[in-house]
Amino acid sequence: MDEIQLHGHYQLPIVFDLLATFLFAFSGSVKAIEKEYDFIGVFILALVTSTGGSFIRDILLQHGPPAILLDYRYILMVLIAGTAGIYFYNLNHKMESTIKIVDAISLGMYAVFGTQKAIALELGVFAAFIIGFINAVGGGLIRDLLTKEESVLFKPGHFYSVTSVVAIVTFLVLGAGFDLNAQIAALVAIGVSFLLRFSALRFNWTTKAIKKRM
């Protein structure tokens, strides 16, 4: 299945792409506030968290300038999300649960969007998987590197990276394997990934470290 065939053209509507940008920017701004950064640090971390994955994706695809450089609304979402993060954090400092839910919503959206963008450029299954995964987790990885934290991408946890993998695999299996309309396959994949992440948080499902401690 080197060449992926999907019925129905699925292009993530701009409103969902902007929403995912807003949500990730919001989580990035809260992380910066918890690190006691100033307002410049808050907005910079919001920016890299929300657009880092898509920026890497577009550079790897080499198909025109990165999307965030072509549409001012992405930066606008970052500014609004950063401001909202500051405002709501001042109202309630305990936002860990909220941020996890925000990530749960956004991960599947970005994973599917990145995968479909690779498919639209007629790349193979492996390339589409890699691009989708980078789109989903790239911003969070950059955020953790800048804040000098061990990335949640590598540590045992509540299915953070697993959620992205499930979204991508579900989308590819339904669209290419079962010949389902691409838009329906994408929406199902986003829903499944969200339910998995939400359930993992709700019922404390976690991945385990390979090395067992004695």
N, C-alpha and C. Protein backbone atom coordinates (compact mmCIF):
# COMPACT_ATOMS: atom_id res chain seq x y z
N MET A 1 0.85 -1.19 0.00
CA MET A 1 0.00 0.00 0.00
C MET A 1 0.89 1.25 0.00
N ASP A 2 1.79 1.32 -1.02
CA ASP A 2 2.71 2.45 -1.11
C ASP A 2 1.97 3.72 -1.50
N GLU A 3 1.02 3.56 -2.45
CA GLU A 3 0.25 4.71 -2.90
C GLU A 3 -1.12 4.67 -2.26
N ILE A 4 -1.46 5.68 -1.50
CA ILE A 4 -2.71 5.68 -0.76
C ILE A 4 -3.84 6.23 -1.63
N GLN A 5 -4.93 5.51 -1.69
CA GLN A 5 -6.10 5.97 -2.42
C GLN A 5 -7.24 6.21 -1.44
N LEU A 6 -7.74 7.44 -1.40
CA LEU A 6 -8.84 7.79 -0.51
C LEU A 6 -9.98 8.38 -1.32
N HIS A 7 -11.19 8.00 -1.01
CA HIS A 7 -12.36 8.52 -1.71
C HIS A 7 -12.91 9.73 -0.94
N GLY A 8 -13.08 10.79 -1.64
CA GLY A 8 -13.56 12.00 -0.98
C GLY A 8 -12.36 12.82 -0.53
N HIS A 9 -12.34 14.07 -0.90
CA HIS A 9 -11.19 14.90 -0.55
C HIS A 9 -11.38 15.49 0.84
N TYR A 10 -10.52 15.09 1.75
CA TYR A 10 -10.60 15.64 3.11
C TYR A 10 -9.51 16.68 3.29
N GLN A 11 -9.92 17.89 3.48
CA GLN A 11 -9.00 18.97 3.82
C GLN A 11 -9.53 19.58 5.10
N LEU A 12 -8.75 19.50 6.16
CA LEU A 12 -9.22 19.99 7.45
C LEU A 12 -9.68 21.44 7.31
N PRO A 13 -10.95 21.74 7.58
CA PRO A 13 -11.43 23.12 7.47
C PRO A 13 -10.57 24.05 8.29
N ILE A 14 -10.37 25.25 7.79
CA ILE A 14 -9.48 26.19 8.43
C ILE A 14 -9.90 26.49 9.86
N VAL A 15 -11.19 26.44 10.14
CA VAL A 15 -11.64 26.73 11.50
C VAL A 15 -11.12 25.70 12.49
N PHE A 16 -11.01 24.42 12.07
CA PHE A 16 -10.49 23.39 12.95
C PHE A 16 -8.98 23.52 13.13
N ASP A 17 -8.31 23.91 12.06
CA ASP A 17 -6.86 24.11 12.15
C ASP A 17 -6.56 25.27 13.08
N LEU A 18 -7.34 26.33 12.98
CA LEU A 18 -7.15 27.48 13.86
C LEU A 18 -7.52 27.13 15.30
N LEU A 19 -8.55 26.30 15.46
CA LEU A 19 -8.93 25.88 16.81
C LEU A 19 -7.82 25.06 17.46
N ALA A 20 -7.24 24.13 16.70
CA ALA A 20 -6.13 23.33 17.23
C ALA A 20 -4.95 24.22 17.59
N THR A 21 -4.68 25.22 16.77
CA THR A 21 -3.61 26.18 17.06
C THR A 21 -3.90 26.92 18.35
N PHE A 22 -5.14 27.37 18.50
CA PHE A 22 -5.53 28.09 19.72
C PHE A 22 -5.36 27.21 20.96
N LEU A 23 -5.82 25.95 20.89
CA LEU A 23 -5.78 25.08 22.06
C LEU A 23 -4.34 24.76 22.48
N PHE A 24 -3.50 24.46 21.51
CA PHE A 24 -2.11 24.17 21.85
C PHE A 24 -1.40 25.42 22.36
N ALA A 25 -1.73 26.57 21.79
CA ALA A 25 -1.14 27.83 22.26
C ALA A 25 -1.56 28.11 23.69
N PHE A 26 -2.81 27.81 24.00
CA PHE A 26 -3.32 28.00 25.35
C PHE A 26 -2.53 27.14 26.34
N SER A 27 -2.33 25.86 26.00
CA SER A 27 -1.57 24.98 26.90
C SER A 27 -0.13 25.44 27.04
N GLY A 28 0.45 25.95 25.95
CA GLY A 28 1.81 26.45 26.01
C GLY A 28 1.93 27.68 26.89
N SER A 29 0.93 28.55 26.83
CA SER A 29 0.97 29.76 27.66
C SER A 29 0.87 29.42 29.14
N VAL A 30 0.02 28.43 29.47
CA VAL A 30 -0.10 28.02 30.87
C VAL A 30 1.20 27.42 31.38
N LYS A 31 1.86 26.63 30.54
CA LYS A 31 3.16 26.07 30.92
C LYS A 31 4.17 27.17 31.19
N ALA A 32 4.18 28.20 30.36
CA ALA A 32 5.11 29.32 30.55
C ALA A 32 4.82 30.07 31.84
N ILE A 33 3.54 30.25 32.16
CA ILE A 33 3.17 30.93 33.39
C ILE A 33 3.64 30.13 34.60
N GLU A 34 3.46 28.82 34.54
CA GLU A 34 3.90 27.96 35.64
C GLU A 34 5.42 28.00 35.81
N LYS A 35 6.13 28.28 34.73
CA LYS A 35 7.59 28.40 34.78
C LYS A 35 8.02 29.80 35.22
N GLU A 36 7.04 30.66 35.48
CA GLU A 36 7.29 32.03 35.93
C GLU A 36 8.01 32.87 34.87
N TYR A 37 7.63 32.67 33.60
CA TYR A 37 8.16 33.50 32.52
C TYR A 37 7.43 34.84 32.49
N ASP A 38 8.03 35.82 31.83
CA ASP A 38 7.34 37.10 31.65
C ASP A 38 6.42 36.99 30.43
N PHE A 39 5.78 38.11 30.05
CA PHE A 39 4.76 38.03 29.00
C PHE A 39 5.37 37.67 27.65
N ILE A 40 6.64 38.05 27.41
CA ILE A 40 7.30 37.66 26.16
C ILE A 40 7.48 36.15 26.13
N GLY A 41 7.93 35.59 27.24
CA GLY A 41 8.12 34.15 27.32
C GLY A 41 6.82 33.39 27.15
N VAL A 42 5.74 33.95 27.70
CA VAL A 42 4.43 33.30 27.58
C VAL A 42 4.01 33.19 26.12
N PHE A 43 4.13 34.27 25.38
CA PHE A 43 3.68 34.25 23.99
C PHE A 43 4.62 33.47 23.08
N ILE A 44 5.90 33.48 23.38
CA ILE A 44 6.83 32.69 22.58
C ILE A 44 6.58 31.20 22.78
N LEU A 45 6.37 30.78 24.02
CA LEU A 45 6.12 29.37 24.27
C LEU A 45 4.76 28.95 23.69
N ALA A 46 3.79 29.86 23.75
CA ALA A 46 2.50 29.58 23.12
C ALA A 46 2.67 29.39 21.61
N LEU A 47 3.53 30.20 21.01
CA LEU A 47 3.76 30.12 19.57
C LEU A 47 4.41 28.80 19.17
N VAL A 48 5.49 28.42 19.84
CA VAL A 48 6.20 27.21 19.44
C VAL A 48 5.40 25.95 19.75
N THR A 49 4.62 25.98 20.83
CA THR A 49 3.81 24.82 21.18
C THR A 49 2.73 24.58 20.14
N SER A 50 2.14 25.64 19.65
CA SER A 50 0.99 25.52 18.73
C SER A 50 1.39 25.37 17.28
N THR A 51 2.52 25.93 16.88
CA THR A 51 2.87 25.93 15.46
C THR A 51 4.16 25.17 15.16
N GLY A 52 4.86 24.71 16.20
CA GLY A 52 6.13 24.03 15.97
C GLY A 52 6.00 22.78 15.11
N GLY A 53 4.99 21.95 15.39
CA GLY A 53 4.80 20.73 14.63
C GLY A 53 4.46 20.99 13.18
N SER A 54 3.55 21.93 12.94
CA SER A 54 3.17 22.24 11.56
C SER A 54 4.30 22.92 10.80
N PHE A 55 5.12 23.69 11.51
CA PHE A 55 6.27 24.34 10.88
C PHE A 55 7.28 23.29 10.39
N ILE A 56 7.58 22.33 11.25
CA ILE A 56 8.48 21.23 10.85
C ILE A 56 7.87 20.44 9.71
N ARG A 57 6.58 20.16 9.81
CA ARG A 57 5.88 19.41 8.76
C ARG A 57 6.04 20.09 7.40
N ASP A 58 5.77 21.39 7.34
CA ASP A 58 5.81 22.09 6.06
C ASP A 58 7.23 22.20 5.52
N ILE A 59 8.20 22.29 6.40
CA ILE A 59 9.60 22.31 5.94
C ILE A 59 9.97 20.97 5.34
N LEU A 60 9.58 19.88 5.99
CA LEU A 60 9.87 18.54 5.47
C LEU A 60 9.17 18.27 4.14
N LEU A 61 7.95 18.75 4.01
CA LEU A 61 7.20 18.52 2.77
C LEU A 61 7.72 19.37 1.61
N GLN A 62 8.38 20.48 1.91
CA GLN A 62 8.97 21.34 0.89
C GLN A 62 7.96 21.70 -0.19
N HIS A 63 6.79 22.14 0.26
CA HIS A 63 5.73 22.47 -0.69
C HIS A 63 5.21 23.88 -0.38
N GLY A 64 6.06 24.85 -0.61
CA GLY A 64 5.69 26.23 -0.34
C GLY A 64 6.04 26.64 1.08
N PRO A 65 5.86 27.94 1.41
CA PRO A 65 6.16 28.44 2.75
C PRO A 65 5.26 27.79 3.80
N PRO A 66 5.73 27.70 5.04
CA PRO A 66 4.89 27.17 6.12
C PRO A 66 3.58 27.95 6.23
N ALA A 67 2.52 27.22 6.60
CA ALA A 67 1.18 27.82 6.64
C ALA A 67 1.10 29.04 7.54
N ILE A 68 1.84 29.02 8.65
CA ILE A 68 1.73 30.14 9.60
C ILE A 68 2.29 31.44 9.03
N LEU A 69 3.09 31.34 7.96
CA LEU A 69 3.64 32.53 7.32
C LEU A 69 2.72 33.08 6.24
N LEU A 70 1.69 32.32 5.90
CA LEU A 70 0.80 32.71 4.81
C LEU A 70 -0.55 33.25 5.30
N ASP A 71 -0.87 33.00 6.56
CA ASP A 71 -2.18 33.39 7.07
C ASP A 71 -2.01 34.01 8.46
N TYR A 72 -2.34 35.28 8.58
CA TYR A 72 -2.15 36.01 9.85
C TYR A 72 -3.00 35.45 10.98
N ARG A 73 -4.05 34.69 10.64
CA ARG A 73 -4.96 34.19 11.67
C ARG A 73 -4.28 33.21 12.62
N TYR A 74 -3.24 32.53 12.17
CA TYR A 74 -2.53 31.62 13.07
C TYR A 74 -1.85 32.39 14.19
N ILE A 75 -1.19 33.48 13.83
CA ILE A 75 -0.54 34.31 14.85
C ILE A 75 -1.59 34.96 15.74
N LEU A 76 -2.71 35.35 15.15
CA LEU A 76 -3.80 35.95 15.93
C LEU A 76 -4.31 34.96 16.97
N MET A 77 -4.45 33.68 16.59
CA MET A 77 -4.89 32.66 17.54
C MET A 77 -3.91 32.53 18.69
N VAL A 78 -2.63 32.62 18.38
CA VAL A 78 -1.60 32.52 19.42
C VAL A 78 -1.72 33.69 20.39
N LEU A 79 -1.92 34.89 19.87
CA LEU A 79 -2.04 36.06 20.73
C LEU A 79 -3.28 35.97 21.61
N ILE A 80 -4.39 35.55 21.03
CA ILE A 80 -5.63 35.42 21.81
C ILE A 80 -5.48 34.33 22.87
N ALA A 81 -4.90 33.19 22.46
CA ALA A 81 -4.73 32.07 23.40
C ALA A 81 -3.79 32.43 24.53
N GLY A 82 -2.70 33.15 24.21
CA GLY A 82 -1.77 33.56 25.26
C GLY A 82 -2.42 34.49 26.26
N THR A 83 -3.22 35.42 25.75
CA THR A 83 -3.94 36.33 26.63
C THR A 83 -4.95 35.58 27.49
N ALA A 84 -5.66 34.63 26.87
CA ALA A 84 -6.64 33.82 27.61
C ALA A 84 -5.96 32.98 28.68
N GLY A 85 -4.78 32.45 28.35
CA GLY A 85 -4.03 31.66 29.32
C GLY A 85 -3.67 32.47 30.56
N ILE A 86 -3.21 33.69 30.33
CA ILE A 86 -2.87 34.58 31.45
C ILE A 86 -4.10 34.89 32.29
N TYR A 87 -5.19 35.20 31.62
CA TYR A 87 -6.42 35.58 32.32
C TYR A 87 -6.97 34.43 33.16
N PHE A 88 -7.12 33.26 32.54
CA PHE A 88 -7.73 32.13 33.24
C PHE A 88 -6.80 31.55 34.30
N TYR A 89 -5.49 31.65 34.08
CA TYR A 89 -4.57 31.15 35.10
C TYR A 89 -4.67 32.00 36.36
N ASN A 90 -4.86 33.28 36.18
CA ASN A 90 -5.01 34.16 37.34
C ASN A 90 -6.31 33.87 38.11
N LEU A 91 -7.32 33.34 37.40
CA LEU A 91 -8.57 32.98 38.05
C LEU A 91 -8.46 31.64 38.78
N ASN A 92 -7.72 30.72 38.18
CA ASN A 92 -7.63 29.36 38.74
C ASN A 92 -6.27 28.77 38.39
N HIS A 93 -5.41 28.63 39.39
CA HIS A 93 -4.06 28.14 39.15
C HIS A 93 -4.02 26.64 38.84
N LYS A 94 -5.03 25.90 39.24
CA LYS A 94 -5.03 24.45 39.04
C LYS A 94 -5.70 24.12 37.71
N MET A 95 -4.88 24.10 36.66
CA MET A 95 -5.42 23.89 35.32
C MET A 95 -4.87 22.64 34.66
N GLU A 96 -4.27 21.74 35.42
CA GLU A 96 -3.66 20.55 34.84
C GLU A 96 -4.67 19.71 34.08
N SER A 97 -5.83 19.48 34.67
CA SER A 97 -6.86 18.66 34.03
C SER A 97 -7.36 19.33 32.75
N THR A 98 -7.53 20.65 32.81
CA THR A 98 -8.00 21.38 31.63
C THR A 98 -7.02 21.26 30.48
N ILE A 99 -5.74 21.38 30.78
CA ILE A 99 -4.72 21.31 29.74
C ILE A 99 -4.67 19.91 29.13
N LYS A 100 -4.85 18.89 29.92
CA LYS A 100 -4.85 17.52 29.39
C LYS A 100 -6.01 17.30 28.44
N ILE A 101 -7.15 17.86 28.76
CA ILE A 101 -8.31 17.75 27.88
C ILE A 101 -8.06 18.53 26.59
N VAL A 102 -7.45 19.69 26.72
CA VAL A 102 -7.11 20.50 25.55
C VAL A 102 -6.19 19.73 24.62
N ASP A 103 -5.17 19.08 25.18
CA ASP A 103 -4.26 18.27 24.38
C ASP A 103 -5.00 17.11 23.72
N ALA A 104 -5.92 16.51 24.46
CA ALA A 104 -6.67 15.37 23.92
C ALA A 104 -7.46 15.76 22.69
N ILE A 105 -8.03 16.95 22.69
CA ILE A 105 -8.80 17.43 21.55
C ILE A 105 -7.88 17.73 20.36
N SER A 106 -6.74 18.33 20.65
CA SER A 106 -5.87 18.84 19.59
C SER A 106 -5.01 17.78 18.92
N LEU A 107 -4.55 16.79 19.68
CA LEU A 107 -3.61 15.81 19.14
C LEU A 107 -4.16 15.08 17.91
N GLY A 108 -5.39 14.59 18.02
CA GLY A 108 -5.98 13.87 16.90
C GLY A 108 -6.20 14.74 15.69
N MET A 109 -6.59 15.99 15.92
CA MET A 109 -6.84 16.92 14.82
C MET A 109 -5.57 17.17 14.03
N TYR A 110 -4.49 17.44 14.74
CA TYR A 110 -3.23 17.71 14.05
C TYR A 110 -2.65 16.45 13.40
N ALA A 111 -2.83 15.30 14.04
CA ALA A 111 -2.30 14.05 13.49
C ALA A 111 -2.96 13.74 12.15
N VAL A 112 -4.27 13.86 12.10
CA VAL A 112 -5.00 13.58 10.87
C VAL A 112 -4.70 14.62 9.80
N PHE A 113 -4.62 15.87 10.19
CA PHE A 113 -4.36 16.93 9.21
C PHE A 113 -2.99 16.74 8.56
N GLY A 114 -1.98 16.44 9.38
CA GLY A 114 -0.65 16.23 8.83
C GLY A 114 -0.59 15.01 7.92
N THR A 115 -1.28 13.96 8.30
CA THR A 115 -1.32 12.75 7.47
C THR A 115 -1.97 13.04 6.13
N GLN A 116 -3.10 13.73 6.15
CA GLN A 116 -3.80 14.04 4.91
C GLN A 116 -2.99 14.97 4.02
N LYS A 117 -2.24 15.87 4.62
CA LYS A 117 -1.43 16.79 3.82
C LYS A 117 -0.35 16.03 3.07
N ALA A 118 0.22 15.00 3.72
CA ALA A 118 1.21 14.15 3.06
C ALA A 118 0.57 13.33 1.95
N ILE A 119 -0.64 12.83 2.19
CA ILE A 119 -1.36 12.05 1.19
C ILE A 119 -1.67 12.92 -0.04
N ALA A 120 -2.06 14.17 0.21
CA ALA A 120 -2.38 15.08 -0.88
C ALA A 120 -1.19 15.32 -1.80
N LEU A 121 0.00 15.16 -1.25
CA LEU A 121 1.23 15.34 -2.04
C LEU A 121 1.72 14.01 -2.60
N GLU A 122 0.86 12.97 -2.50
CA GLU A 122 1.12 11.65 -3.09
C GLU A 122 2.32 10.95 -2.47
N LEU A 123 2.50 11.13 -1.18
CA LEU A 123 3.54 10.40 -0.47
C LEU A 123 3.00 9.05 -0.02
N GLY A 124 3.91 8.12 0.30
CA GLY A 124 3.52 6.79 0.70
C GLY A 124 3.01 6.72 2.13
N VAL A 125 2.62 5.51 2.53
CA VAL A 125 2.04 5.30 3.85
C VAL A 125 3.01 5.67 4.96
N PHE A 126 4.25 5.21 4.85
CA PHE A 126 5.23 5.47 5.90
C PHE A 126 5.48 6.97 6.05
N ALA A 127 5.63 7.67 4.93
CA ALA A 127 5.87 9.11 4.97
C ALA A 127 4.66 9.84 5.56
N ALA A 128 3.45 9.41 5.18
CA ALA A 128 2.24 10.03 5.70
C ALA A 128 2.15 9.84 7.21
N PHE A 129 2.51 8.66 7.68
CA PHE A 129 2.49 8.39 9.12
C PHE A 129 3.47 9.30 9.86
N ILE A 130 4.68 9.40 9.35
CA ILE A 130 5.71 10.23 10.00
C ILE A 130 5.30 11.70 10.04
N ILE A 131 4.79 12.20 8.92
CA ILE A 131 4.37 13.60 8.85
C ILE A 131 3.22 13.87 9.82
N GLY A 132 2.26 12.97 9.87
CA GLY A 132 1.14 13.13 10.79
C GLY A 132 1.58 13.14 12.24
N PHE A 133 2.51 12.25 12.56
CA PHE A 133 3.00 12.16 13.94
C PHE A 133 3.77 13.43 14.32
N ILE A 134 4.62 13.90 13.42
CA ILE A 134 5.37 15.12 13.69
C ILE A 134 4.43 16.31 13.86
N ASN A 135 3.40 16.37 13.01
CA ASN A 135 2.45 17.47 13.11
C ASN A 135 1.78 17.50 14.49
N ALA A 136 1.50 16.31 15.04
CA ALA A 136 0.79 16.22 16.31
C ALA A 136 1.67 16.52 17.52
N VAL A 137 2.88 15.98 17.54
CA VAL A 137 3.69 16.05 18.77
C VAL A 137 4.88 16.99 18.67
N GLY A 138 5.14 17.52 17.48
CA GLY A 138 6.33 18.35 17.29
C GLY A 138 6.36 19.59 18.16
N GLY A 139 5.22 20.27 18.26
CA GLY A 139 5.16 21.49 19.07
C GLY A 139 5.41 21.21 20.54
N GLY A 140 4.81 20.13 21.04
CA GLY A 140 5.02 19.77 22.45
C GLY A 140 6.45 19.40 22.73
N LEU A 141 7.10 18.74 21.77
CA LEU A 141 8.50 18.37 21.94
C LEU A 141 9.39 19.60 22.02
N ILE A 142 9.16 20.56 21.15
CA ILE A 142 9.94 21.80 21.17
C ILE A 142 9.70 22.55 22.48
N ARG A 143 8.45 22.58 22.92
CA ARG A 143 8.10 23.24 24.19
C ARG A 143 8.90 22.64 25.34
N ASP A 144 8.95 21.32 25.41
CA ASP A 144 9.65 20.65 26.51
C ASP A 144 11.15 20.89 26.44
N LEU A 145 11.69 20.94 25.23
CA LEU A 145 13.12 21.20 25.07
C LEU A 145 13.46 22.62 25.53
N LEU A 146 12.64 23.58 25.18
CA LEU A 146 12.89 24.97 25.56
C LEU A 146 12.75 25.19 27.05
N THR A 147 11.87 24.45 27.69
CA THR A 147 11.66 24.60 29.13
C THR A 147 12.54 23.63 29.94
N LYS A 148 13.42 22.91 29.24
CA LYS A 148 14.38 21.99 29.87
C LYS A 148 13.69 20.92 30.71
N GLU A 149 12.62 20.37 30.14
CA GLU A 149 11.92 19.27 30.79
C GLU A 149 12.04 18.02 29.94
N GLU A 150 12.07 16.86 30.60
CA GLU A 150 12.05 15.62 29.85
C GLU A 150 10.71 15.52 29.14
N SER A 151 10.75 15.30 27.85
CA SER A 151 9.53 15.36 27.06
C SER A 151 8.53 14.28 27.44
N VAL A 152 7.25 14.67 27.47
CA VAL A 152 6.18 13.70 27.72
C VAL A 152 6.08 12.69 26.59
N LEU A 153 6.71 13.01 25.47
CA LEU A 153 6.70 12.10 24.34
C LEU A 153 7.45 10.80 24.65
N PHE A 154 8.44 10.88 25.54
CA PHE A 154 9.30 9.73 25.82
C PHE A 154 8.95 9.00 27.11
N LYS A 155 8.30 9.69 28.03
CA LYS A 155 8.06 9.12 29.36
C LYS A 155 6.77 8.30 29.39
N PRO A 156 6.70 7.30 30.29
CA PRO A 156 5.42 6.60 30.49
C PRO A 156 4.36 7.62 30.90
N GLY A 157 3.16 7.44 30.39
CA GLY A 157 2.11 8.39 30.71
C GLY A 157 0.77 7.95 30.17
N HIS A 158 -0.16 8.88 30.14
CA HIS A 158 -1.55 8.58 29.77
C HIS A 158 -1.75 8.64 28.25
N PHE A 159 -1.01 7.83 27.54
CA PHE A 159 -1.21 7.61 26.10
C PHE A 159 -1.08 8.90 25.29
N TYR A 160 -0.11 9.74 25.63
CA TYR A 160 0.06 11.00 24.90
C TYR A 160 0.41 10.76 23.43
N SER A 161 1.55 10.13 23.20
CA SER A 161 1.95 9.86 21.82
C SER A 161 1.11 8.74 21.21
N VAL A 162 0.65 7.81 22.03
CA VAL A 162 -0.20 6.72 21.54
C VAL A 162 -1.46 7.28 20.90
N THR A 163 -2.00 8.34 21.46
CA THR A 163 -3.20 8.96 20.91
C THR A 163 -3.00 9.39 19.46
N SER A 164 -1.84 9.98 19.17
CA SER A 164 -1.54 10.42 17.81
C SER A 164 -1.43 9.23 16.87
N VAL A 165 -0.75 8.19 17.33
CA VAL A 165 -0.59 6.99 16.51
C VAL A 165 -1.94 6.38 16.18
N VAL A 166 -2.81 6.29 17.17
CA VAL A 166 -4.15 5.72 16.97
C VAL A 166 -4.94 6.55 15.95
N ALA A 167 -4.86 7.86 16.05
CA ALA A 167 -5.57 8.73 15.10
C ALA A 167 -5.09 8.48 13.67
N ILE A 168 -3.79 8.40 13.49
CA ILE A 168 -3.22 8.21 12.15
C ILE A 168 -3.59 6.84 11.59
N VAL A 169 -3.40 5.80 12.40
CA VAL A 169 -3.69 4.44 11.95
C VAL A 169 -5.17 4.28 11.63
N THR A 170 -6.04 4.82 12.49
CA THR A 170 -7.48 4.74 12.25
C THR A 170 -7.85 5.41 10.94
N PHE A 171 -7.29 6.57 10.71
CA PHE A 171 -7.57 7.32 9.48
C PHE A 171 -7.12 6.54 8.24
N LEU A 172 -5.92 5.99 8.29
CA LEU A 172 -5.39 5.25 7.14
C LEU A 172 -6.14 3.94 6.90
N VAL A 173 -6.45 3.24 7.98
CA VAL A 173 -7.16 1.96 7.84
C VAL A 173 -8.57 2.18 7.29
N LEU A 174 -9.29 3.15 7.85
CA LEU A 174 -10.66 3.39 7.38
C LEU A 174 -10.69 3.94 5.96
N GLY A 175 -9.79 4.87 5.68
CA GLY A 175 -9.79 5.51 4.38
C GLY A 175 -9.22 4.67 3.27
N ALA A 176 -8.05 4.07 3.50
CA ALA A 176 -7.38 3.29 2.46
C ALA A 176 -7.74 1.81 2.52
N GLY A 177 -7.90 1.29 3.74
CA GLY A 177 -8.17 -0.13 3.89
C GLY A 177 -9.62 -0.50 3.66
N PHE A 178 -10.54 0.30 4.23
CA PHE A 178 -11.97 -0.01 4.14
C PHE A 178 -12.70 0.88 3.14
N ASP A 179 -11.94 1.69 2.42
CA ASP A 179 -12.52 2.49 1.33
C ASP A 179 -13.58 3.46 1.82
N LEU A 180 -13.46 3.92 3.07
CA LEU A 180 -14.42 4.87 3.61
C LEU A 180 -14.10 6.27 3.10
N ASN A 181 -15.13 7.07 2.96
CA ASN A 181 -14.93 8.45 2.54
C ASN A 181 -13.89 9.11 3.44
N ALA A 182 -12.96 9.82 2.85
CA ALA A 182 -11.83 10.37 3.60
C ALA A 182 -12.25 11.33 4.70
N GLN A 183 -13.28 12.13 4.44
CA GLN A 183 -13.71 13.09 5.46
C GLN A 183 -14.31 12.36 6.66
N ILE A 184 -15.12 11.35 6.40
CA ILE A 184 -15.71 10.57 7.49
C ILE A 184 -14.62 9.85 8.27
N ALA A 185 -13.65 9.26 7.54
CA ALA A 185 -12.55 8.56 8.19
C ALA A 185 -11.77 9.49 9.11
N ALA A 186 -11.57 10.73 8.67
CA ALA A 186 -10.83 11.70 9.48
C ALA A 186 -11.59 12.06 10.75
N LEU A 187 -12.88 12.30 10.61
CA LEU A 187 -13.68 12.66 11.78
C LEU A 187 -13.76 11.52 12.79
N VAL A 188 -13.87 10.29 12.28
CA VAL A 188 -13.90 9.13 13.18
C VAL A 188 -12.56 9.00 13.89
N ALA A 189 -11.46 9.19 13.16
CA ALA A 189 -10.13 9.07 13.75
C ALA A 189 -9.91 10.10 14.85
N ILE A 190 -10.37 11.32 14.63
CA ILE A 190 -10.25 12.37 15.64
C ILE A 190 -11.06 12.01 16.88
N GLY A 191 -12.27 11.50 16.66
CA GLY A 191 -13.12 11.11 17.78
C GLY A 191 -12.55 9.96 18.58
N VAL A 192 -12.03 8.95 17.89
CA VAL A 192 -11.45 7.78 18.57
C VAL A 192 -10.24 8.18 19.39
N SER A 193 -9.39 9.02 18.82
CA SER A 193 -8.19 9.44 19.54
C SER A 193 -8.53 10.25 20.78
N PHE A 194 -9.55 11.11 20.67
CA PHE A 194 -9.97 11.89 21.82
C PHE A 194 -10.52 10.99 22.92
N LEU A 195 -11.36 10.03 22.56
CA LEU A 195 -11.93 9.12 23.55
C LEU A 195 -10.85 8.29 24.24
N LEU A 196 -9.84 7.89 23.48
CA LEU A 196 -8.75 7.11 24.07
C LEU A 196 -7.98 7.93 25.09
N ARG A 197 -7.62 9.14 24.71
CA ARG A 197 -6.87 10.01 25.61
C ARG A 197 -7.70 10.38 26.84
N PHE A 198 -8.95 10.70 26.62
CA PHE A 198 -9.84 11.06 27.72
C PHE A 198 -10.02 9.88 28.68
N SER A 199 -10.19 8.68 28.13
CA SER A 199 -10.36 7.48 28.95
C SER A 199 -9.10 7.17 29.74
N ALA A 200 -7.95 7.37 29.11
CA ALA A 200 -6.69 7.12 29.80
C ALA A 200 -6.54 8.04 31.00
N LEU A 201 -6.93 9.29 30.83
CA LEU A 201 -6.87 10.24 31.94
C LEU A 201 -7.91 9.92 33.01
N ARG A 202 -9.10 9.53 32.54
CA ARG A 202 -10.20 9.27 33.48
C ARG A 202 -9.96 8.01 34.32
N PHE A 203 -9.45 6.96 33.68
CA PHE A 203 -9.30 5.67 34.36
C PHE A 203 -7.83 5.34 34.69
N ASN A 204 -6.96 6.34 34.50
CA ASN A 204 -5.55 6.19 34.83
C ASN A 204 -4.87 5.05 34.07
N TRP A 205 -5.17 4.94 32.80
CA TRP A 205 -4.46 4.00 31.94
C TRP A 205 -3.13 4.63 31.55
N THR A 206 -2.06 3.92 31.70
CA THR A 206 -0.74 4.47 31.38
C THR A 206 0.12 3.44 30.66
N THR A 207 1.06 3.95 29.89
CA THR A 207 2.10 3.09 29.36
C THR A 207 3.11 2.80 30.46
N LYS A 208 3.93 1.79 30.29
CA LYS A 208 4.88 1.39 31.31
C LYS A 208 6.31 1.51 30.80
N ALA A 209 7.21 1.80 31.73
CA ALA A 209 8.63 1.86 31.37
C ALA A 209 9.12 0.46 31.02
N ILE A 210 9.97 0.37 29.99
CA ILE A 210 10.51 -0.92 29.58
C ILE A 210 11.39 -1.52 30.67
N LYS A 211 12.19 -0.67 31.28
CA LYS A 211 13.09 -1.13 32.35
C LYS A 211 12.32 -1.23 33.66
N LYS A 212 12.28 -2.40 34.24
CA LYS A 212 11.58 -2.59 35.51
C LYS A 212 12.51 -2.28 36.67
N ARG A 213 12.00 -1.51 37.58
CA ARG A 213 12.81 -1.17 38.75
C ARG A 213 12.64 -2.23 39.82
N MET A 214 13.73 -2.62 40.43
CA MET A 214 13.71 -3.66 41.48
C MET A 214 13.36 -3.00 42.81
